[in-house]
Every structure is written in structure tokens, then in C-alpha cells.
N, C-alpha and C. Protein backbone atom coordinates (compact mmCIF):
# COMPACT_ATOMS: atom_id res chain seq x y z
N MET A 1 110.15 89.48 62.06
CA MET A 1 110.72 90.70 62.53
C MET A 1 111.57 90.52 63.74
N GLY A 2 111.02 89.77 64.69
CA GLY A 2 111.66 89.63 66.00
C GLY A 2 112.97 88.93 65.78
N PHE A 3 113.17 88.00 64.84
CA PHE A 3 114.33 87.22 64.62
C PHE A 3 115.48 88.16 63.97
N TYR A 4 115.13 89.09 63.23
CA TYR A 4 116.07 90.11 62.75
C TYR A 4 116.51 91.03 63.89
N ILE A 5 115.67 91.37 64.66
CA ILE A 5 116.00 92.14 65.85
C ILE A 5 116.93 91.40 66.73
N MET A 6 116.59 90.18 66.88
CA MET A 6 117.40 89.34 67.76
C MET A 6 118.81 89.19 67.21
N ILE A 7 118.97 88.91 65.85
CA ILE A 7 120.32 88.71 65.36
C ILE A 7 121.04 90.15 65.36
N MET A 8 120.42 91.20 65.09
CA MET A 8 121.14 92.45 65.05
C MET A 8 121.59 92.81 66.53
N SER A 9 120.73 92.54 67.53
CA SER A 9 121.08 92.85 68.96
C SER A 9 122.26 91.97 69.34
N PHE A 10 122.24 90.74 68.93
CA PHE A 10 123.41 89.84 69.30
C PHE A 10 124.76 90.31 68.66
N ILE A 11 124.66 90.64 67.27
CA ILE A 11 125.91 91.08 66.71
C ILE A 11 126.45 92.37 67.14
N LEU A 12 125.47 93.32 67.45
CA LEU A 12 125.94 94.80 67.96
C LEU A 12 126.38 94.51 69.50
N GLY A 13 125.77 93.65 70.14
CA GLY A 13 126.32 93.34 71.61
C GLY A 13 127.63 92.82 71.51
N ILE A 14 127.91 91.87 70.73
CA ILE A 14 129.30 91.31 70.66
C ILE A 14 130.17 92.39 70.13
N PHE A 15 129.89 93.10 69.25
CA PHE A 15 130.79 94.20 68.79
C PHE A 15 131.20 95.28 69.84
N PHE A 16 129.97 95.68 70.63
CA PHE A 16 130.17 96.75 71.61
C PHE A 16 131.08 96.01 72.81
N THR A 17 130.76 94.93 73.17
CA THR A 17 131.65 94.32 74.20
C THR A 17 133.10 94.13 73.78
N ILE A 18 133.28 93.68 72.65
CA ILE A 18 134.73 93.55 72.18
C ILE A 18 135.33 94.96 72.15
N LEU A 19 134.68 95.86 71.58
CA LEU A 19 135.27 97.25 71.46
C LEU A 19 135.54 97.84 72.84
N GLY A 20 134.68 97.76 73.77
CA GLY A 20 134.75 98.35 75.08
C GLY A 20 135.79 97.53 75.93
N GLY A 21 135.87 96.24 75.70
CA GLY A 21 136.88 95.40 76.42
C GLY A 21 138.30 95.70 76.00
N SER A 22 138.56 96.00 74.72
CA SER A 22 139.89 96.15 74.24
C SER A 22 140.50 97.46 74.59
N ARG A 23 139.47 98.44 74.88
CA ARG A 23 139.96 99.84 75.31
C ARG A 23 139.36 100.34 76.52
N TRP A 24 139.20 99.53 77.55
CA TRP A 24 138.29 99.96 78.71
C TRP A 24 139.14 100.93 79.45
N LYS A 25 140.37 100.97 79.48
CA LYS A 25 141.21 101.99 80.31
C LYS A 25 141.30 103.41 79.80
N ARG A 26 140.94 103.56 78.48
CA ARG A 26 141.11 104.82 77.96
C ARG A 26 140.02 105.89 78.25
N ASN A 27 138.80 105.53 78.41
CA ASN A 27 137.58 106.49 78.45
C ASN A 27 136.57 105.82 79.16
N PHE A 28 135.74 106.67 79.71
CA PHE A 28 134.44 106.15 80.25
C PHE A 28 133.49 105.64 79.28
N LEU A 29 133.52 106.19 78.10
CA LEU A 29 132.57 105.77 77.04
C LEU A 29 132.86 104.26 76.69
N TYR A 30 134.00 103.84 76.66
CA TYR A 30 134.31 102.47 76.42
C TYR A 30 133.80 101.52 77.47
N LYS A 31 133.73 101.97 78.74
CA LYS A 31 133.01 101.17 79.81
C LYS A 31 131.60 101.15 79.55
N ALA A 32 131.04 102.17 79.09
CA ALA A 32 129.56 102.13 78.74
C ALA A 32 129.23 101.27 77.56
N PHE A 33 130.31 101.12 76.56
CA PHE A 33 130.08 100.21 75.59
C PHE A 33 129.98 98.74 76.01
N ILE A 34 130.74 98.47 77.02
CA ILE A 34 130.72 97.16 77.68
C ILE A 34 129.41 96.89 78.22
N VAL A 35 128.77 97.83 78.99
CA VAL A 35 127.54 97.53 79.50
C VAL A 35 126.43 97.44 78.62
N LEU A 36 126.58 98.37 77.60
CA LEU A 36 125.47 98.37 76.44
C LEU A 36 125.60 97.03 75.73
N GLY A 37 126.86 96.48 75.39
CA GLY A 37 127.00 95.26 74.74
C GLY A 37 126.33 94.06 75.59
N ILE A 38 126.59 94.12 76.86
CA ILE A 38 126.11 92.99 77.63
C ILE A 38 124.49 93.11 77.63
N ILE A 39 124.01 94.21 77.80
CA ILE A 39 122.40 94.46 77.72
C ILE A 39 121.88 94.03 76.37
N LEU A 40 122.65 94.31 75.27
CA LEU A 40 122.09 93.88 73.95
C LEU A 40 122.18 92.32 73.90
N ILE A 41 123.17 91.70 74.35
CA ILE A 41 123.28 90.24 74.31
C ILE A 41 122.30 89.66 75.19
N LEU A 42 121.97 90.15 76.31
CA LEU A 42 120.93 89.59 77.14
C LEU A 42 119.58 89.79 76.55
N PHE A 43 119.24 90.90 75.84
CA PHE A 43 118.04 91.20 75.20
C PHE A 43 117.94 90.12 73.93
N ALA A 44 118.91 89.85 73.39
CA ALA A 44 118.93 88.77 72.20
C ALA A 44 118.58 87.34 72.83
N ILE A 45 119.18 87.06 73.92
CA ILE A 45 118.84 85.70 74.55
C ILE A 45 117.48 85.66 74.92
N TYR A 46 116.83 86.96 75.57
CA TYR A 46 115.53 86.94 75.84
C TYR A 46 114.61 86.67 74.65
N LEU A 47 114.87 87.32 73.51
CA LEU A 47 114.10 87.21 72.43
C LEU A 47 114.20 85.79 71.81
N ALA A 48 115.39 85.09 71.96
CA ALA A 48 115.52 83.74 71.42
C ALA A 48 114.82 82.65 72.03
N ARG A 49 114.35 83.00 73.35
CA ARG A 49 113.66 81.97 74.23
C ARG A 49 112.29 81.74 73.49
N PRO A 50 111.93 80.35 73.63
CA PRO A 50 110.63 80.08 73.03
C PRO A 50 109.45 80.59 74.06
N HIS A 51 108.43 81.13 73.30
CA HIS A 51 107.40 81.69 74.13
C HIS A 51 106.11 80.82 74.03
């Protein structure tokens, strides 16, 4: 279960970061997408660490 959450978090993080980065001057919402994408990528890296 954790593996699937890690993969989905990583994919969504990359998607939100690219979407926000390509349109960051248009709206505040796209800047929030960049922050959300980075948080999801960091969460995926945390889940990928061996415990």
C-alpha cells in the first residue's frame, strides 16, 4: 500500500510542479500548485527511504 502511495505522490508532485511552473505568472493558484508539487515529491522521497 505504501508503495502505491509513494508512486502516486511522486507522479502528482511532478505534474503539479510542471503545471504550476509553466503558468506561475497567471494566478496565485498556480504558485500553490508548485508548493503542493514540491511537498508531494518530498513526501514520496520520505516514503521511499528504507525504514
